[in-house]
């Protein structure tokens, strides 16, 4: 069986902390609260996330499931065509 991974929409926050790049990425419909970033004079950085809540809304689930179903259907069609083309 052919199965693939479909990308889920996401939100990405990028920036720099104390001159160093950082990236925070999470699925859409996420709520990030109490993000506390502290840079010390010795170069250390502390990051505290109070909470990160993610909800997959029905539109995202439907889109992802539809994409995966299409991948499986395409694989099945290709396999059926290959079998039909085999010499008998």
Protein backbone atom coordinates (compact mmCIF):
# COMPACT_ATOMS: atom_id res chain seq x y z
CA UNK A 1 0.00 0.00 0.00
CA UNK A 2 1.21 3.47 -0.83
CA UNK A 3 0.84 5.94 1.98
CA UNK A 4 2.23 9.44 2.27
CA UNK A 5 2.40 12.25 4.70
CA UNK A 6 0.40 15.37 3.91
CA UNK A 7 1.62 18.66 5.28
CA UNK A 8 -0.57 20.17 7.97
CA UNK A 9 -0.88 23.97 7.92
CA UNK A 10 1.31 25.49 10.58
CA UNK A 11 2.37 28.76 12.10
CA UNK A 12 6.07 29.52 12.37
CA UNK A 13 7.65 32.29 14.41
CA UNK A 14 11.30 33.09 13.72
CA UNK A 15 13.64 35.64 15.17
CA UNK A 16 16.83 36.08 17.11
CA UNK A 17 17.51 35.85 20.82
CA UNK A 18 20.82 37.22 22.03
CA UNK A 19 22.00 37.20 18.42
CA UNK A 20 21.12 33.53 17.87
CA UNK A 21 18.34 32.46 15.49
CA UNK A 22 15.34 30.58 16.83
CA UNK A 23 12.22 29.06 15.33
CA UNK A 24 8.97 28.08 17.00
CA UNK A 25 6.65 26.04 14.81
CA UNK A 26 3.25 24.59 15.69
CA UNK A 27 0.11 23.48 13.87
CA UNK A 28 -2.45 26.14 13.00
CA UNK A 29 -5.02 26.96 15.65
CA UNK A 30 -2.46 27.03 18.43
CA UNK A 31 -2.45 29.26 21.48
CA UNK A 32 0.88 30.10 23.07
CA UNK A 33 0.70 31.81 26.46
CA UNK A 34 3.28 33.19 28.84
CA UNK A 35 6.32 33.02 26.58
CA UNK A 36 9.20 34.35 28.67
CA UNK A 37 12.63 34.73 27.08
CA UNK A 38 15.57 35.95 29.14
CA UNK A 39 19.11 36.56 27.89
CA UNK A 40 21.92 36.82 30.44
CA UNK A 41 25.15 38.78 30.09
CA UNK A 42 27.11 35.49 30.12
CA UNK A 43 25.45 34.47 26.83
CA UNK A 44 22.94 32.00 28.23
CA UNK A 45 19.32 32.17 27.15
CA UNK A 46 16.35 30.88 29.09
CA UNK A 47 13.02 30.17 27.39
CA UNK A 48 9.90 29.34 29.36
CA UNK A 49 6.57 28.47 27.75
CA UNK A 50 3.61 28.65 30.10
CA UNK A 51 1.40 26.59 27.81
CA UNK A 52 0.94 25.63 24.18
CA UNK A 53 -2.51 24.36 23.22
CA UNK A 54 -3.20 23.06 19.73
CA UNK A 55 -6.60 22.27 18.27
CA UNK A 56 -7.00 20.54 14.94
CA UNK A 57 -10.11 22.08 13.45
CA UNK A 58 -12.39 20.05 11.18
CA UNK A 59 -11.22 21.84 8.03
CA UNK A 60 -7.59 20.84 8.67
CA UNK A 61 -8.55 17.25 9.49
CA UNK A 62 -10.75 17.03 6.39
CA UNK A 63 -8.06 18.49 4.10
CA UNK A 64 -5.40 16.15 5.49
CA UNK A 65 -7.62 13.07 5.24
CA UNK A 66 -8.69 13.99 1.69
CA UNK A 67 -5.06 14.39 0.61
CA UNK A 68 -4.06 11.05 2.10
CA UNK A 69 -7.05 9.31 0.49
CA UNK A 70 -6.06 10.74 -2.90
CA UNK A 71 -2.49 9.45 -2.44
CA UNK A 72 -3.77 5.95 -1.67
CA UNK A 73 -6.20 6.05 -4.62
CA UNK A 74 -3.44 7.16 -6.99
CA UNK A 75 -1.19 4.35 -5.76
CA UNK A 76 -3.96 1.79 -6.19
CA UNK A 77 -4.71 3.04 -9.71
CA UNK A 78 -1.03 2.87 -10.66
CA UNK A 79 -0.76 -0.67 -9.28
CA UNK A 80 -3.92 -1.75 -11.13
CA UNK A 81 -2.59 -0.26 -14.38
CA UNK A 82 0.75 -2.02 -13.93
CA UNK A 83 -0.97 -5.36 -13.27
CA UNK A 84 -3.24 -4.89 -16.30
CA UNK A 85 -0.22 -4.15 -18.50
CA UNK A 86 1.60 -7.34 -17.46
CA UNK A 87 1.87 -10.02 -20.12
CA UNK A 88 -0.55 -12.86 -19.56
